[in-house]
């Protein structure tokens, strides 16, 4: 469902994480075959996925490699992102609440995620229901920065209502 939000001609930023990887893996075939979709990522699994497309246009962000996250982070990654603008960003998280927004367990991952969010016109969070209502270690972005949440059918309806009231569009799969 998240991948269906991508349009021809978009510049798309993919954050790191397994859920975001699934978005990249489900980009519709016609978008994979053209050269008018630009992808930007710090995630090695996303790089592996997108460079396997027939005609990829992939911007690989540099930085310090975090093996546990299979992602590049740090000042170089942030500097690379600050030179770019995107139509849409897909961000994962380990927690999402009205009070704390998006959170993650690693401060360098949070810094990269925050910069990604600031560089995109539309912010899409992909998070399974276990992450909703959960407060993680360090913030990525406030809930006001989120345009769309894509989650699963196990999500707590009361939590979804709170997010909708905060202005977040919800897609339940």
N, C-alpha and C. Protein backbone atom coordinates (compact mmCIF):
# COMPACT_ATOMS: atom_id res chain seq x y z
N UNK A 1 0.83 -1.20 0.00
CA UNK A 1 0.00 0.00 0.00
C UNK A 1 0.87 1.26 0.00
N UNK A 2 1.97 1.24 0.74
CA UNK A 2 2.85 2.41 0.79
C UNK A 2 3.49 2.66 -0.57
N UNK A 3 3.93 1.61 -1.23
CA UNK A 3 4.59 1.77 -2.54
C UNK A 3 3.65 2.37 -3.58
N UNK A 4 2.35 2.19 -3.41
CA UNK A 4 1.38 2.75 -4.34
C UNK A 4 1.32 4.28 -4.25
N UNK A 5 1.91 4.86 -3.22
CA UNK A 5 1.94 6.32 -3.07
C UNK A 5 3.01 6.97 -3.93
N UNK A 6 3.87 6.16 -4.55
CA UNK A 6 4.95 6.67 -5.39
C UNK A 6 4.43 6.90 -6.80
N UNK A 7 4.81 8.04 -7.38
CA UNK A 7 4.37 8.40 -8.73
C UNK A 7 5.56 8.55 -9.67
N UNK A 8 5.29 8.38 -10.93
CA UNK A 8 6.31 8.58 -11.96
C UNK A 8 6.90 9.98 -11.82
N UNK A 9 8.20 10.07 -11.89
CA UNK A 9 8.88 11.36 -11.78
C UNK A 9 9.28 11.74 -10.36
N UNK A 10 8.85 10.97 -9.38
CA UNK A 10 9.17 11.29 -7.98
C UNK A 10 10.64 11.08 -7.66
N UNK A 11 11.10 11.89 -6.72
CA UNK A 11 12.36 11.62 -6.01
C UNK A 11 11.92 11.04 -4.67
N UNK A 12 12.38 9.81 -4.39
CA UNK A 12 11.92 9.07 -3.22
C UNK A 12 13.11 8.78 -2.31
N UNK A 13 12.97 9.14 -1.03
CA UNK A 13 13.98 8.78 -0.04
C UNK A 13 13.46 7.56 0.73
N UNK A 14 14.31 6.54 0.82
CA UNK A 14 14.02 5.36 1.62
C UNK A 14 14.95 5.35 2.83
N UNK A 15 14.38 5.39 4.01
CA UNK A 15 15.11 5.25 5.26
C UNK A 15 15.59 3.80 5.38
N UNK A 16 16.33 3.50 6.41
CA UNK A 16 16.74 2.11 6.66
C UNK A 16 15.64 1.38 7.41
N UNK A 17 15.78 0.07 7.52
CA UNK A 17 14.84 -0.73 8.28
C UNK A 17 14.11 -1.73 7.40
N UNK A 18 13.66 -2.81 8.03
CA UNK A 18 13.04 -3.90 7.29
C UNK A 18 11.69 -3.52 6.69
N UNK A 19 10.93 -2.70 7.39
CA UNK A 19 9.62 -2.31 6.86
C UNK A 19 9.78 -1.39 5.66
N UNK A 20 10.71 -0.47 5.73
CA UNK A 20 10.98 0.42 4.59
C UNK A 20 11.49 -0.40 3.41
N UNK A 21 12.31 -1.39 3.67
CA UNK A 21 12.80 -2.26 2.59
C UNK A 21 11.62 -2.89 1.85
N UNK A 22 10.58 -3.27 2.57
CA UNK A 22 9.41 -3.88 1.92
C UNK A 22 8.71 -2.90 0.99
N UNK A 23 8.74 -1.61 1.33
CA UNK A 23 8.17 -0.60 0.42
C UNK A 23 8.96 -0.61 -0.88
N UNK A 24 10.28 -0.56 -0.79
CA UNK A 24 11.12 -0.57 -2.00
C UNK A 24 10.89 -1.84 -2.81
N UNK A 25 10.73 -2.96 -2.13
CA UNK A 25 10.53 -4.24 -2.81
C UNK A 25 9.19 -4.31 -3.53
N UNK A 26 8.24 -3.46 -3.14
CA UNK A 26 6.91 -3.49 -3.75
C UNK A 26 6.62 -2.31 -4.67
N UNK A 27 7.66 -1.55 -5.04
CA UNK A 27 7.45 -0.47 -6.01
C UNK A 27 6.90 -1.10 -7.29
N UNK A 28 5.82 -0.54 -7.83
CA UNK A 28 5.21 -1.14 -9.02
C UNK A 28 6.19 -1.28 -10.19
N UNK A 29 6.01 -2.36 -10.95
CA UNK A 29 6.88 -2.70 -12.08
C UNK A 29 7.17 -1.56 -13.04
N UNK A 30 6.16 -0.83 -13.49
CA UNK A 30 6.43 0.26 -14.45
C UNK A 30 7.39 1.32 -13.90
N UNK A 31 7.33 1.58 -12.59
CA UNK A 31 8.25 2.56 -12.00
C UNK A 31 9.66 2.02 -11.89
N UNK A 32 9.81 0.71 -11.78
CA UNK A 32 11.12 0.07 -11.71
C UNK A 32 11.83 0.10 -13.06
N UNK A 33 11.07 0.12 -14.12
CA UNK A 33 11.63 -0.02 -15.46
C UNK A 33 11.97 1.30 -16.13
N UNK A 34 11.50 2.39 -15.59
CA UNK A 34 11.78 3.69 -16.20
C UNK A 34 12.94 4.39 -15.52
N UNK A 35 13.36 5.47 -16.12
CA UNK A 35 14.46 6.23 -15.53
C UNK A 35 13.96 7.51 -14.88
N UNK A 36 12.64 7.67 -14.78
CA UNK A 36 12.12 8.91 -14.21
C UNK A 36 11.80 8.83 -12.73
N UNK A 37 12.23 7.75 -12.07
CA UNK A 37 12.10 7.63 -10.63
C UNK A 37 13.50 7.65 -10.03
N UNK A 38 13.73 8.59 -9.13
CA UNK A 38 15.03 8.68 -8.45
C UNK A 38 14.86 8.20 -7.03
N UNK A 39 15.71 7.28 -6.61
CA UNK A 39 15.68 6.80 -5.22
C UNK A 39 16.94 7.25 -4.51
N UNK A 40 16.77 7.59 -3.25
CA UNK A 40 17.87 8.05 -2.39
C UNK A 40 17.81 7.21 -1.12
N UNK A 41 18.93 6.66 -0.69
CA UNK A 41 18.90 5.84 0.52
C UNK A 41 20.26 5.73 1.19
N UNK A 42 20.22 5.42 2.48
CA UNK A 42 21.40 5.11 3.27
C UNK A 42 21.41 3.63 3.66
N UNK A 43 20.44 2.88 3.16
CA UNK A 43 20.23 1.49 3.55
C UNK A 43 20.85 0.53 2.54
N UNK A 44 21.77 -0.33 2.99
CA UNK A 44 22.37 -1.30 2.07
C UNK A 44 21.34 -2.28 1.51
N UNK A 45 20.39 -2.80 2.30
CA UNK A 45 19.37 -3.66 1.70
C UNK A 45 18.52 -2.95 0.65
N UNK A 46 18.20 -1.68 0.86
CA UNK A 46 17.43 -0.93 -0.14
C UNK A 46 18.29 -0.71 -1.39
N UNK A 47 19.57 -0.44 -1.21
CA UNK A 47 20.46 -0.31 -2.36
C UNK A 47 20.48 -1.62 -3.15
N UNK A 48 20.61 -2.74 -2.45
CA UNK A 48 20.58 -4.05 -3.12
C UNK A 48 19.28 -4.24 -3.90
N UNK A 49 18.17 -3.87 -3.29
CA UNK A 49 16.86 -4.02 -3.95
C UNK A 49 16.75 -3.14 -5.19
N UNK A 50 17.04 -1.85 -5.04
CA UNK A 50 16.79 -0.92 -6.14
C UNK A 50 17.81 -1.03 -7.27
N UNK A 51 19.02 -1.43 -6.97
CA UNK A 51 19.99 -1.58 -8.06
C UNK A 51 19.74 -2.84 -8.87
N UNK A 52 18.84 -3.69 -8.40
CA UNK A 52 18.43 -4.87 -9.16
C UNK A 52 17.33 -4.56 -10.18
N UNK A 53 16.79 -3.35 -10.15
CA UNK A 53 15.77 -2.96 -11.12
C UNK A 53 16.43 -2.83 -12.49
N UNK A 54 15.64 -2.86 -13.54
CA UNK A 54 16.21 -2.87 -14.89
C UNK A 54 16.93 -1.57 -15.25
N UNK A 55 16.43 -0.43 -14.81
CA UNK A 55 17.06 0.85 -15.14
C UNK A 55 17.05 1.77 -13.93
N UNK A 56 17.81 1.43 -12.89
CA UNK A 56 17.72 2.20 -11.64
C UNK A 56 18.43 3.55 -11.74
N UNK A 57 17.88 4.50 -11.00
CA UNK A 57 18.54 5.79 -10.78
C UNK A 57 18.60 5.95 -9.26
N UNK A 58 19.72 5.52 -8.67
CA UNK A 58 19.85 5.42 -7.22
C UNK A 58 20.96 6.34 -6.72
N UNK A 59 20.62 7.15 -5.73
CA UNK A 59 21.61 7.98 -5.04
C UNK A 59 21.93 7.27 -3.73
N UNK A 60 23.18 6.87 -3.56
CA UNK A 60 23.62 6.17 -2.35
C UNK A 60 24.30 7.17 -1.42
N UNK A 61 23.75 7.32 -0.24
CA UNK A 61 24.31 8.26 0.73
C UNK A 61 25.53 7.65 1.42
N UNK A 62 26.53 8.46 1.63
CA UNK A 62 27.73 7.99 2.31
C UNK A 62 27.62 8.10 3.81
N UNK A 63 28.66 7.67 4.50
CA UNK A 63 28.67 7.80 5.95
C UNK A 63 29.31 6.63 6.65
N UNK A 64 29.13 6.60 7.95
CA UNK A 64 29.65 5.55 8.82
C UNK A 64 28.69 4.37 8.78
N UNK A 65 29.20 3.17 8.53
CA UNK A 65 28.34 2.00 8.42
C UNK A 65 28.03 1.42 9.81
N UNK A 66 26.72 1.25 10.09
CA UNK A 66 26.26 0.60 11.32
C UNK A 66 25.80 -0.81 10.96
N UNK A 67 26.60 -1.83 11.25
CA UNK A 67 26.23 -3.20 10.85
C UNK A 67 24.87 -3.66 11.37
N UNK A 68 24.53 -3.31 12.60
CA UNK A 68 23.26 -3.74 13.17
C UNK A 68 22.05 -3.17 12.47
N UNK A 69 22.23 -2.04 11.81
CA UNK A 69 21.14 -1.38 11.09
C UNK A 69 21.28 -1.53 9.58
N UNK A 70 22.43 -2.04 9.14
CA UNK A 70 22.75 -2.14 7.71
C UNK A 70 22.52 -0.80 7.02
N UNK A 71 23.00 0.26 7.68
CA UNK A 71 22.75 1.61 7.19
C UNK A 71 23.98 2.49 7.42
N UNK A 72 24.04 3.54 6.62
CA UNK A 72 25.09 4.55 6.75
C UNK A 72 24.50 5.74 7.51
N UNK A 73 25.28 6.28 8.44
CA UNK A 73 24.81 7.36 9.30
C UNK A 73 25.96 8.34 9.55
N UNK A 74 25.65 9.40 10.26
CA UNK A 74 26.69 10.33 10.69
C UNK A 74 26.71 11.62 9.89
N UNK A 75 27.72 12.45 10.14
CA UNK A 75 27.78 13.78 9.52
C UNK A 75 27.81 13.75 7.99
N UNK A 76 28.49 12.79 7.40
CA UNK A 76 28.54 12.72 5.94
C UNK A 76 27.16 12.41 5.36
N UNK A 77 26.42 11.50 5.98
CA UNK A 77 25.08 11.16 5.52
C UNK A 77 24.17 12.38 5.62
N UNK A 78 24.21 13.06 6.73
CA UNK A 78 23.39 14.25 6.94
C UNK A 78 23.76 15.34 5.93
N UNK A 79 25.05 15.55 5.71
CA UNK A 79 25.49 16.56 4.73
C UNK A 79 25.02 16.21 3.32
N UNK A 80 25.10 14.93 2.96
CA UNK A 80 24.60 14.49 1.65
C UNK A 80 23.12 14.80 1.50
N UNK A 81 22.34 14.52 2.53
CA UNK A 81 20.90 14.75 2.49
C UNK A 81 20.55 16.22 2.38
N UNK A 82 21.30 17.06 3.05
CA UNK A 82 21.00 18.50 3.04
C UNK A 82 21.17 19.12 1.66
N UNK A 83 21.81 18.41 0.75
CA UNK A 83 21.98 18.89 -0.63
C UNK A 83 20.85 18.45 -1.54
N UNK A 84 19.89 17.69 -1.00
CA UNK A 84 18.84 17.08 -1.82
C UNK A 84 17.45 17.49 -1.34
N UNK A 85 16.49 17.40 -2.26
CA UNK A 85 15.08 17.56 -1.92
C UNK A 85 14.33 16.39 -2.54
N UNK A 86 13.26 15.96 -1.87
CA UNK A 86 12.51 14.80 -2.36
C UNK A 86 11.01 15.08 -2.33
N UNK A 87 10.31 14.31 -3.14
CA UNK A 87 8.85 14.38 -3.15
C UNK A 87 8.25 13.63 -1.98
N UNK A 88 8.86 12.49 -1.64
CA UNK A 88 8.30 11.62 -0.61
C UNK A 88 9.43 10.88 0.11
N UNK A 89 9.25 10.66 1.40
CA UNK A 89 10.19 9.86 2.18
C UNK A 89 9.40 8.77 2.91
N UNK A 90 9.98 7.59 2.94
CA UNK A 90 9.43 6.47 3.69
C UNK A 90 10.34 6.24 4.89
N UNK A 91 9.76 6.37 6.08
CA UNK A 91 10.51 6.30 7.32
C UNK A 91 9.95 5.19 8.20
N UNK A 92 10.84 4.44 8.81
CA UNK A 92 10.45 3.45 9.80
C UNK A 92 10.69 4.01 11.19
N UNK A 93 10.29 3.27 12.19
CA UNK A 93 10.49 3.70 13.57
C UNK A 93 10.34 2.49 14.49
N UNK A 94 10.73 2.66 15.75
CA UNK A 94 10.47 1.60 16.72
C UNK A 94 9.35 2.00 17.67
N UNK A 95 8.93 3.25 17.57
CA UNK A 95 7.83 3.75 18.38
C UNK A 95 7.19 4.95 17.72
N UNK A 96 5.88 5.11 17.97
CA UNK A 96 5.13 6.24 17.41
C UNK A 96 4.01 6.59 18.38
N UNK A 97 4.10 7.80 18.95
CA UNK A 97 3.04 8.30 19.83
C UNK A 97 2.75 9.75 19.47
N UNK A 98 1.60 10.20 19.92
CA UNK A 98 1.25 11.61 19.73
C UNK A 98 2.26 12.49 20.47
N UNK A 99 2.62 12.09 21.67
CA UNK A 99 3.48 12.91 22.53
C UNK A 99 4.93 12.96 22.05
N UNK A 100 5.48 11.83 21.64
CA UNK A 100 6.90 11.79 21.30
C UNK A 100 7.17 11.68 19.81
N UNK A 101 6.12 11.51 19.00
CA UNK A 101 6.31 11.37 17.56
C UNK A 101 7.00 10.06 17.23
N UNK A 102 7.84 10.10 16.20
CA UNK A 102 8.59 8.92 15.75
C UNK A 102 9.84 8.79 16.60
N UNK A 103 10.16 7.55 16.99
CA UNK A 103 11.37 7.33 17.78
C UNK A 103 12.13 6.12 17.26
N UNK A 104 13.39 6.05 17.66
CA UNK A 104 14.29 4.96 17.27
C UNK A 104 15.28 4.70 18.40
N UNK A 105 15.90 3.53 18.44
CA UNK A 105 16.83 3.24 19.53
C UNK A 105 18.24 3.81 19.36
N UNK A 106 18.56 4.41 18.21
CA UNK A 106 19.94 4.85 17.96
C UNK A 106 19.97 6.34 17.59
N UNK A 107 20.78 7.13 18.28
CA UNK A 107 20.80 8.58 18.06
C UNK A 107 21.27 8.95 16.64
N UNK A 108 22.22 8.20 16.08
CA UNK A 108 22.68 8.53 14.73
C UNK A 108 21.64 8.18 13.67
N UNK A 109 20.90 7.11 13.90
CA UNK A 109 19.80 6.75 13.01
C UNK A 109 18.72 7.83 13.09
N UNK A 110 18.45 8.32 14.29
CA UNK A 110 17.46 9.38 14.48
C UNK A 110 17.86 10.65 13.75
N UNK A 111 19.13 11.01 13.82
CA UNK A 111 19.60 12.22 13.16
C UNK A 111 19.41 12.12 11.64
N UNK A 112 19.74 10.99 11.07
CA UNK A 112 19.56 10.79 9.63
C UNK A 112 18.07 10.82 9.29
N UNK A 113 17.25 10.13 10.07
CA UNK A 113 15.81 10.12 9.83
C UNK A 113 15.21 11.52 9.90
N UNK A 114 15.63 12.31 10.88
CA UNK A 114 15.13 13.68 11.01
C UNK A 114 15.50 14.51 9.80
N UNK A 115 16.70 14.33 9.31
CA UNK A 115 17.13 15.08 8.13
C UNK A 115 16.35 14.64 6.90
N UNK A 116 16.12 13.34 6.76
CA UNK A 116 15.30 12.83 5.65
C UNK A 116 13.92 13.47 5.67
N UNK A 117 13.30 13.49 6.84
CA UNK A 117 11.96 14.06 6.99
C UNK A 117 11.97 15.53 6.59
N UNK A 118 13.00 16.25 6.96
CA UNK A 118 13.06 17.69 6.65
C UNK A 118 13.27 17.98 5.17
N UNK A 119 13.73 17.01 4.41
CA UNK A 119 14.05 17.22 2.99
C UNK A 119 12.95 16.76 2.04
N UNK A 120 11.86 16.20 2.57
CA UNK A 120 10.80 15.67 1.72
C UNK A 120 9.51 16.47 1.86
N UNK A 121 8.77 16.56 0.76
CA UNK A 121 7.48 17.24 0.76
C UNK A 121 6.40 16.43 1.46
N UNK A 122 6.52 15.10 1.39
CA UNK A 122 5.52 14.22 1.99
C UNK A 122 6.23 13.15 2.81
N UNK A 123 5.78 12.97 4.05
CA UNK A 123 6.40 12.02 4.97
C UNK A 123 5.43 10.86 5.22
N UNK A 124 5.89 9.66 4.86
CA UNK A 124 5.09 8.46 5.05
C UNK A 124 5.82 7.56 6.05
N UNK A 125 5.16 7.26 7.15
CA UNK A 125 5.71 6.35 8.15
C UNK A 125 5.13 4.97 7.89
N UNK A 126 6.00 3.98 7.83
CA UNK A 126 5.57 2.59 7.71
C UNK A 126 5.95 1.90 9.01
N UNK A 127 4.92 1.43 9.72
CA UNK A 127 5.16 0.84 11.04
C UNK A 127 4.08 -0.18 11.35
N UNK A 128 4.49 -1.35 11.80
CA UNK A 128 3.48 -2.34 12.18
C UNK A 128 2.82 -1.91 13.48
N UNK A 129 1.70 -2.52 13.77
CA UNK A 129 0.86 -2.12 14.90
C UNK A 129 1.58 -2.17 16.25
N UNK A 130 2.58 -3.02 16.39
CA UNK A 130 3.29 -3.13 17.67
C UNK A 130 4.04 -1.85 18.03
N UNK A 131 4.27 -1.01 17.06
CA UNK A 131 5.04 0.22 17.30
C UNK A 131 4.16 1.41 17.69
N UNK A 132 2.87 1.30 17.42
CA UNK A 132 1.95 2.40 17.71
C UNK A 132 1.66 2.47 19.20
N UNK A 133 1.74 3.68 19.74
CA UNK A 133 1.52 3.87 21.17
C UNK A 133 2.74 3.56 22.01
N UNK A 134 3.81 3.21 21.36
CA UNK A 134 5.06 2.85 22.05
C UNK A 134 6.05 4.02 21.94
N UNK A 135 6.66 4.36 23.05
CA UNK A 135 7.66 5.43 23.09
C UNK A 135 9.04 4.81 23.04
N UNK A 136 9.83 5.20 22.04
CA UNK A 136 11.18 4.69 21.92
C UNK A 136 12.20 5.59 22.59
N UNK A 137 13.46 5.29 22.36
CA UNK A 137 14.55 5.95 23.06
C UNK A 137 14.78 7.40 22.65
N UNK A 138 14.92 7.66 21.35
CA UNK A 138 15.26 9.01 20.91
C UNK A 138 14.38 9.44 19.73
N UNK A 139 13.99 10.71 19.70
CA UNK A 139 13.05 11.15 18.67
C UNK A 139 13.68 11.31 17.28
N UNK A 140 12.87 11.00 16.29
CA UNK A 140 13.22 11.27 14.89
C UNK A 140 12.53 12.55 14.45
N UNK A 141 11.20 12.59 14.66
CA UNK A 141 10.40 13.75 14.23
C UNK A 141 9.11 13.79 15.02
N UNK A 142 8.54 14.98 15.18
CA UNK A 142 7.25 15.08 15.88
C UNK A 142 6.12 14.55 14.99
N UNK A 143 5.00 14.22 15.61
CA UNK A 143 3.86 13.70 14.86
C UNK A 143 3.36 14.71 13.83
N UNK A 144 3.57 15.98 14.07
CA UNK A 144 3.14 17.02 13.13
C UNK A 144 3.88 16.96 11.80
N UNK A 145 5.01 16.26 11.77
CA UNK A 145 5.78 16.13 10.53
C UNK A 145 5.28 14.98 9.65
N UNK A 146 4.40 14.15 10.19
CA UNK A 146 3.94 12.95 9.49
C UNK A 146 2.68 13.25 8.69
N UNK A 147 2.70 12.91 7.40
CA UNK A 147 1.52 13.07 6.55
C UNK A 147 0.67 11.80 6.51
N UNK A 148 1.34 10.64 6.40
CA UNK A 148 0.64 9.38 6.23
C UNK A 148 1.30 8.31 7.10
N UNK A 149 0.46 7.47 7.70
CA UNK A 149 0.93 6.27 8.41
C UNK A 149 0.34 5.07 7.69
N UNK A 150 1.20 4.12 7.33
CA UNK A 150 0.75 2.85 6.79
C UNK A 150 1.05 1.80 7.84
N UNK A 151 0.00 1.09 8.27
CA UNK A 151 0.15 0.10 9.33
C UNK A 151 -0.75 -1.09 9.03
N UNK A 152 -0.74 -2.07 9.93
CA UNK A 152 -1.52 -3.29 9.71
C UNK A 152 -2.84 -3.26 10.47
N UNK A 153 -3.69 -4.23 10.17
CA UNK A 153 -5.04 -4.30 10.70
C UNK A 153 -5.10 -4.58 12.20
N UNK A 154 -3.99 -4.94 12.81
CA UNK A 154 -3.96 -5.19 14.26
C UNK A 154 -3.82 -3.90 15.06
N UNK A 155 -3.69 -2.76 14.39
CA UNK A 155 -3.49 -1.49 15.09
C UNK A 155 -4.69 -1.16 15.98
N UNK A 156 -4.40 -0.62 17.14
CA UNK A 156 -5.42 -0.22 18.11
C UNK A 156 -6.26 0.91 17.51
N UNK A 157 -7.57 0.70 17.35
CA UNK A 157 -8.42 1.74 16.76
C UNK A 157 -8.37 3.07 17.52
N UNK A 158 -8.27 3.01 18.84
CA UNK A 158 -8.19 4.25 19.63
C UNK A 158 -6.91 5.02 19.31
N UNK A 159 -5.81 4.29 19.13
CA UNK A 159 -4.54 4.93 18.79
C UNK A 159 -4.63 5.55 17.39
N UNK A 160 -5.25 4.84 16.46
CA UNK A 160 -5.42 5.37 15.11
C UNK A 160 -6.29 6.63 15.13
N UNK A 161 -7.33 6.63 15.94
CA UNK A 161 -8.19 7.81 16.06
C UNK A 161 -7.40 9.01 16.58
N UNK A 162 -6.54 8.77 17.54
CA UNK A 162 -5.70 9.86 18.09
C UNK A 162 -4.78 10.41 17.00
N UNK A 163 -4.20 9.53 16.21
CA UNK A 163 -3.31 9.96 15.13
C UNK A 163 -4.08 10.74 14.06
N UNK A 164 -5.26 10.24 13.71
CA UNK A 164 -6.10 10.97 12.73
C UNK A 164 -6.44 12.36 13.25
N UNK A 165 -6.78 12.46 14.53
CA UNK A 165 -7.11 13.75 15.13
C UNK A 165 -5.92 14.71 15.09
N UNK A 166 -4.72 14.15 15.06
CA UNK A 166 -3.50 14.96 14.98
C UNK A 166 -3.18 15.34 13.53
N UNK A 167 -4.01 14.88 12.57
CA UNK A 167 -3.83 15.27 11.18
C UNK A 167 -3.10 14.25 10.32
N UNK A 168 -2.90 13.04 10.82
CA UNK A 168 -2.20 12.01 10.07
C UNK A 168 -3.22 11.19 9.27
N UNK A 169 -2.99 11.05 7.96
CA UNK A 169 -3.80 10.14 7.16
C UNK A 169 -3.35 8.72 7.46
N UNK A 170 -4.30 7.81 7.59
CA UNK A 170 -3.99 6.44 7.97
C UNK A 170 -4.38 5.49 6.83
N UNK A 171 -3.47 4.58 6.51
CA UNK A 171 -3.75 3.49 5.58
C UNK A 171 -3.52 2.20 6.35
N UNK A 172 -4.60 1.41 6.49
CA UNK A 172 -4.51 0.13 7.19
C UNK A 172 -4.54 -0.99 6.15
N UNK A 173 -3.54 -1.87 6.23
CA UNK A 173 -3.48 -2.96 5.26
C UNK A 173 -3.86 -4.29 5.89
